[in-house]
Amino acid sequence: MNELYHVEGTLNRGFVGQITYMVCLEKPCDKLDIHFKFDSRKRKYAPKEATPERIAETIEVVRRDYGEEITEERAREIILYDMKTEIHTLATLNDEFIGCIHKQLADRHMLYDGEYASEGCIPQQKIDGVLKVTVLVFNVIKDNTRYQLTVSGE
């Protein structure tokens, strides 16, 4: 497939929001690949990152935002097992929904042709017009989380 569009970016800790990229397809495609990936090393915390400062911060956030008291051990468990960078991708073609990937994958493809589409996507008989890919960011836990979005077609 030929690369039609490529963009890279960086997200920082605490970012929540949506980023939409619009691609005007210059000619009709029989196949389309929307490839999104982010740095998998930034997806979860490693044990060495459960520092006393991060544990104290987690205890404070739980106290402030949820009105609950937790132990240092529970805060450590939250940091290592519950917290994660969570990013999904959604695509529309000419303002019609064609798919959304919710799986917790740091590297994913949304594949389309006339008969097949990736799980969570709808096969497309006509791939032409304006493609919008929205990066849905629900949580970023580490600064400088790099991502790439590549759209390819043939």
C-alpha atoms as a PDB file:
ATOM      1  CA  MET A   1       0.000   0.000   0.000  1.00  0.00           C
ATOM      2  CA  ASN A   2       1.055   3.583  -0.571  1.00  0.00           C
ATOM      3  CA  GLU A   3       1.401   5.986   2.327  1.00  0.00           C
ATOM      4  CA  LEU A   4      -1.221   8.719   1.963  1.00  0.00           C
ATOM      5  CA  TYR A   5      -0.763  10.589   5.238  1.00  0.00           C
ATOM      6  CA  HIS A   6       1.569  10.468   8.226  1.00  0.00           C
ATOM      7  CA  VAL A   7       1.695  12.499  11.398  1.00  0.00           C
ATOM      8  CA  GLU A   8       3.556  12.191  14.694  1.00  0.00           C
ATOM      9  CA  GLY A   9       2.891  13.851  17.992  1.00  0.00           C
ATOM     10  CA  THR A  10       3.625  13.870  21.692  1.00  0.00           C
ATOM     11  CA  LEU A  11       1.169  13.696  24.577  1.00  0.00           C
ATOM     12  CA  ASN A  12       1.980  14.620  28.153  1.00  0.00           C
ATOM     13  CA  ARG A  13       0.842  13.225  31.461  1.00  0.00           C
ATOM     14  CA  GLY A  14      -2.728  14.102  32.326  1.00  0.00           C
ATOM     15  CA  PHE A  15      -3.821  14.870  28.748  1.00  0.00           C
ATOM     16  CA  VAL A  16      -7.431  13.936  28.048  1.00  0.00           C
ATOM     17  CA  GLY A  17      -9.124  14.910  24.810  1.00  0.00           C
ATOM     18  CA  GLN A  18      -9.611  14.280  21.133  1.00  0.00           C
ATOM     19  CA  ILE A  19      -7.361  15.044  18.195  1.00  0.00           C
ATOM     20  CA  THR A  20      -8.895  14.740  14.727  1.00  0.00           C
ATOM     21  CA  TYR A  21      -6.870  14.435  11.549  1.00  0.00           C
ATOM     22  CA  MET A  22      -8.587  15.035   8.205  1.00  0.00           C
ATOM     23  CA  VAL A  23      -7.281  13.356   5.053  1.00  0.00           C
ATOM     24  CA  CYS A  24      -8.715  14.248   1.652  1.00  0.00           C
ATOM     25  CA  LEU A  25      -8.261  11.098  -0.411  1.00  0.00           C
ATOM     26  CA  GLU A  26      -7.003  12.260  -3.815  1.00  0.00           C
ATOM     27  CA  LYS A  27      -8.366   9.196  -5.604  1.00  0.00           C
ATOM     28  CA  PRO A  28     -10.598   6.237  -4.704  1.00  0.00           C
ATOM     29  CA  CYS A  29      -8.947   3.340  -2.874  1.00  0.00           C
ATOM     30  CA  ASP A  30      -9.834  -0.355  -2.923  1.00  0.00           C
ATOM     31  CA  LYS A  31      -8.035  -0.923   0.385  1.00  0.00           C
ATOM     32  CA  LEU A  32      -7.298   1.303   3.350  1.00  0.00           C
ATOM     33  CA  ASP A  33      -5.049   0.867   6.375  1.00  0.00           C
ATOM     34  CA  ILE A  34      -5.262   3.284   9.293  1.00  0.00           C
ATOM     35  CA  HIS A  35      -2.265   2.487  11.502  1.00  0.00           C
ATOM     36  CA  PHE A  36      -1.972   4.067  14.947  1.00  0.00           C
ATOM     37  CA  LYS A  37       0.724   3.367  17.485  1.00  0.00           C
ATOM     38  CA  PHE A  38       2.158   4.918  20.600  1.00  0.00           C
ATOM     39  CA  ASP A  39       5.214   4.168  22.714  1.00  0.00           C
ATOM     40  CA  SER A  40       4.278   0.937  24.531  1.00  0.00           C
ATOM     41  CA  ARG A  41       6.899   1.710  27.216  1.00  0.00           C
ATOM     42  CA  LYS A  42       4.661   4.632  28.210  1.00  0.00           C
ATOM     43  CA  ARG A  43       1.496   2.509  28.577  1.00  0.00           C
ATOM     44  CA  LYS A  44       1.998   1.345  32.191  1.00  0.00           C
ATOM     45  CA  TYR A  45       4.303   2.062  35.105  1.00  0.00           C
ATOM     46  CA  ALA A  46       7.241  -0.223  35.847  1.00  0.00           C
ATOM     47  CA  PRO A  47       7.800  -1.304  39.482  1.00  0.00           C
ATOM     48  CA  LYS A  48      10.718   1.120  39.872  1.00  0.00           C
ATOM     49  CA  GLU A  49       8.339   3.976  38.958  1.00  0.00           C
ATOM     50  CA  ALA A  50       6.146   3.346  42.009  1.00  0.00           C
ATOM     51  CA  THR A  51       8.231   5.874  43.916  1.00  0.00           C
ATOM     52  CA  PRO A  52       7.367   7.187  47.383  1.00  0.00           C
ATOM     53  CA  GLU A  53       6.383  10.506  45.753  1.00  0.00           C
ATOM     54  CA  ARG A  54       4.026   8.819  43.250  1.00  0.00           C
ATOM     55  CA  ILE A  55       2.520   6.674  46.035  1.00  0.00           C
ATOM     56  CA  ALA A  56       1.914   9.785  48.162  1.00  0.00           C
ATOM     57  CA  GLU A  57       0.395  11.580  45.169  1.00  0.00           C
ATOM     58  CA  THR A  58      -1.935   8.627  44.479  1.00  0.00           C
ATOM     59  CA  ILE A  59      -3.063   8.512  48.122  1.00  0.00           C
ATOM     60  CA  GLU A  60      -3.817  12.244  47.960  1.00  0.00           C
ATOM     61  CA  VAL A  61      -5.745  11.997  44.667  1.00  0.00           C
ATOM     62  CA  VAL A  62      -7.885   9.122  45.986  1.00  0.00           C
ATOM     63  CA  ARG A  63      -8.554  11.064  49.199  1.00  0.00           C
ATOM     64  CA  ARG A  64      -9.378  14.310  47.363  1.00  0.00           C
ATOM     65  CA  ASP A  65     -11.328  12.939  44.384  1.00  0.00           C
ATOM     66  CA  TYR A  66     -13.029   9.885  45.928  1.00  0.00           C
ATOM     67  CA  GLY A  67     -13.147  10.652  49.659  1.00  0.00           C
ATOM     68  CA  GLU A  68     -11.431   7.361  50.486  1.00  0.00           C
ATOM     69  CA  GLU A  69      -8.371   6.510  52.511  1.00  0.00           C
ATOM     70  CA  ILE A  70      -6.022   3.891  51.060  1.00  0.00           C
ATOM     71  CA  THR A  71      -2.811   2.294  52.263  1.00  0.00           C
ATOM     72  CA  GLU A  72       0.559   2.738  50.628  1.00  0.00           C
ATOM     73  CA  GLU A  73       0.341  -0.877  49.438  1.00  0.00           C
ATOM     74  CA  ARG A  74      -3.042  -0.239  47.780  1.00  0.00           C
ATOM     75  CA  ALA A  75      -1.650   2.936  46.165  1.00  0.00           C
ATOM     76  CA  ARG A  76       1.265   0.877  44.813  1.00  0.00           C
ATOM     77  CA  GLU A  77      -1.190  -1.686  43.384  1.00  0.00           C
ATOM     78  CA  ILE A  78      -3.181   1.096  41.715  1.00  0.00           C
ATOM     79  CA  ILE A  79      -0.025   2.529  40.152  1.00  0.00           C
ATOM     80  CA  LEU A  80       1.242  -0.808  38.854  1.00  0.00           C
ATOM     81  CA  TYR A  81      -1.990  -2.575  37.860  1.00  0.00           C
ATOM     82  CA  ASP A  82      -4.822  -0.067  37.441  1.00  0.00           C
ATOM     83  CA  MET A  83      -3.235   3.013  35.886  1.00  0.00           C
ATOM     84  CA  LYS A  84      -2.588   2.956  32.143  1.00  0.00           C
ATOM     85  CA  THR A  85      -2.382   5.177  29.113  1.00  0.00           C
ATOM     86  CA  GLU A  86      -5.639   4.640  27.250  1.00  0.00           C
ATOM     87  CA  ILE A  87      -6.017   5.798  23.653  1.00  0.00           C
ATOM     88  CA  HIS A  88      -8.642   4.677  21.109  1.00  0.00           C
ATOM     89  CA  THR A  89      -9.068   5.467  17.410  1.00  0.00           C
ATOM     90  CA  LEU A  90     -12.263   6.315  15.531  1.00  0.00           C
ATOM     91  CA  ALA A  91     -12.713   6.787  11.783  1.00  0.00           C
ATOM     92  CA  THR A  92     -15.372   8.390   9.604  1.00  0.00           C
ATOM     93  CA  LEU A  93     -15.531   8.592   5.832  1.00  0.00           C
ATOM     94  CA  ASN A  94     -17.509  11.522   4.427  1.00  0.00           C
ATOM     95  CA  ASP A  95     -18.918  12.042   7.934  1.00  0.00           C
ATOM     96  CA  GLU A  96     -20.206   8.439   8.150  1.00  0.00           C
ATOM     97  CA  PHE A  97     -18.915   6.186  10.940  1.00  0.00           C
ATOM     98  CA  ILE A  98     -16.698   3.403   9.587  1.00  0.00           C
ATOM     99  CA  GLY A  99     -15.053   2.077  12.744  1.00  0.00           C
ATOM    100  CA  CYS A 100     -13.613   2.439  16.216  1.00  0.00           C
ATOM    101  CA  ILE A 101     -10.923   0.411  17.971  1.00  0.00           C
ATOM    102  CA  HIS A 102     -11.294   0.243  21.755  1.00  0.00           C
ATOM    103  CA  LYS A 103      -8.789  -2.517  22.454  1.00  0.00           C
ATOM    104  CA  GLN A 104      -5.879  -1.719  24.720  1.00  0.00           C
ATOM    105  CA  LEU A 105      -3.236  -2.023  22.030  1.00  0.00           C
ATOM    106  CA  ALA A 106      -0.262   0.280  21.661  1.00  0.00           C
ATOM    107  CA  ASP A 107      -0.063  -0.679  17.960  1.00  0.00           C
ATOM    108  CA  ARG A 108      -3.218  -1.203  15.917  1.00  0.00           C
ATOM    109  CA  HIS A 109      -4.468  -1.297  12.346  1.00  0.00           C
ATOM    110  CA  MET A 110      -7.937  -0.470  11.052  1.00  0.00           C
ATOM    111  CA  LEU A 111      -8.087  -2.356   7.744  1.00  0.00           C
ATOM    112  CA  TYR A 112     -10.792  -1.884   5.114  1.00  0.00           C
ATOM    113  CA  ASP A 113     -11.754  -3.187   1.703  1.00  0.00           C
ATOM    114  CA  GLY A 114     -15.014  -4.047  -0.026  1.00  0.00           C
ATOM    115  CA  GLU A 115     -15.525  -7.326   1.835  1.00  0.00           C
ATOM    116  CA  TYR A 116     -13.347  -7.199   4.943  1.00  0.00           C
ATOM    117  CA  ALA A 117     -12.765  -4.850   7.830  1.00  0.00           C
ATOM    118  CA  SER A 118     -10.912  -5.188  11.126  1.00  0.00           C
ATOM    119  CA  GLU A 119     -12.918  -5.968  14.248  1.00  0.00           C
ATOM    120  CA  GLY A 120     -14.879  -2.865  15.223  1.00  0.00           C
ATOM    121  CA  CYS A 121     -14.874  -1.575  11.641  1.00  0.00           C
ATOM    122  CA  ILE A 122     -17.327  -1.716   8.728  1.00  0.00           C
ATOM    123  CA  PRO A 123     -16.256  -2.944   5.249  1.00  0.00           C
ATOM    124  CA  GLN A 124     -16.315  -0.152   2.657  1.00  0.00           C
ATOM    125  CA  GLN A 125     -17.335  -0.684  -0.960  1.00  0.00           C
ATOM    126  CA  LYS A 126     -16.258   2.845  -1.895  1.00  0.00           C
ATOM    127  CA  ILE A 127     -13.241   4.386  -0.182  1.00  0.00           C
ATOM    128  CA  ASP A 128     -13.217   7.922  -1.486  1.00  0.00           C
ATOM    129  CA  GLY A 129     -13.658  11.451  -0.186  1.00  0.00           C
ATOM    130  CA  VAL A 130     -12.776  12.848   3.227  1.00  0.00           C
ATOM    131  CA  LEU A 131     -11.406  10.516   5.887  1.00  0.00           C
ATOM    132  CA  LYS A 132     -11.336  11.741   9.475  1.00  0.00           C
ATOM    133  CA  VAL A 133      -9.373   9.828  12.081  1.00  0.00           C
ATOM    134  CA  THR A 134      -9.978  10.863  15.669  1.00  0.00           C
ATOM    135  CA  VAL A 135      -7.488   9.898  18.351  1.00  0.00           C
ATOM    136  CA  LEU A 136      -9.568   9.538  21.532  1.00  0.00           C
ATOM    137  CA  VAL A 137      -7.298  10.069  24.522  1.00  0.00           C
ATOM    138  CA  PHE A 138      -8.822   8.974  27.815  1.00  0.00           C
ATOM    139  CA  ASN A 139      -5.661   9.026  29.905  1.00  0.00           C
ATOM    140  CA  VAL A 140      -1.928   9.594  29.522  1.00  0.00           C
ATOM    141  CA  ILE A 141       0.184   8.585  32.509  1.00  0.00           C
ATOM    142  CA  LYS A 142       3.676   9.594  31.348  1.00  0.00           C
ATOM    143  CA  ASP A 143       5.141  12.727  29.824  1.00  0.00           C
ATOM    144  CA  ASN A 144       6.500  12.623  26.274  1.00  0.00           C
ATOM    145  CA  THR A 145       4.273   9.772  25.096  1.00  0.00           C
ATOM    146  CA  ARG A 146       5.024   9.702  21.363  1.00  0.00           C
ATOM    147  CA  TYR A 147       2.438   8.543  18.829  1.00  0.00           C
ATOM    148  CA  GLN A 148       2.202   8.030  15.076  1.00  0.00           C
ATOM    149  CA  LEU A 149      -0.750   7.879  12.728  1.00  0.00           C
ATOM    150  CA  THR A 150      -0.265   6.585   9.176  1.00  0.00           C
ATOM    151  CA  VAL A 151      -2.961   6.212   6.534  1.00  0.00           C
ATOM    152  CA  SER A 152      -2.127   3.973   3.585  1.00  0.00           C
ATOM    153  CA  GLY A 153      -4.203   2.924   0.602  1.00  0.00           C
ATOM    154  CA  GLU A 154      -4.214   1.311  -2.814  1.00  0.00           C
END
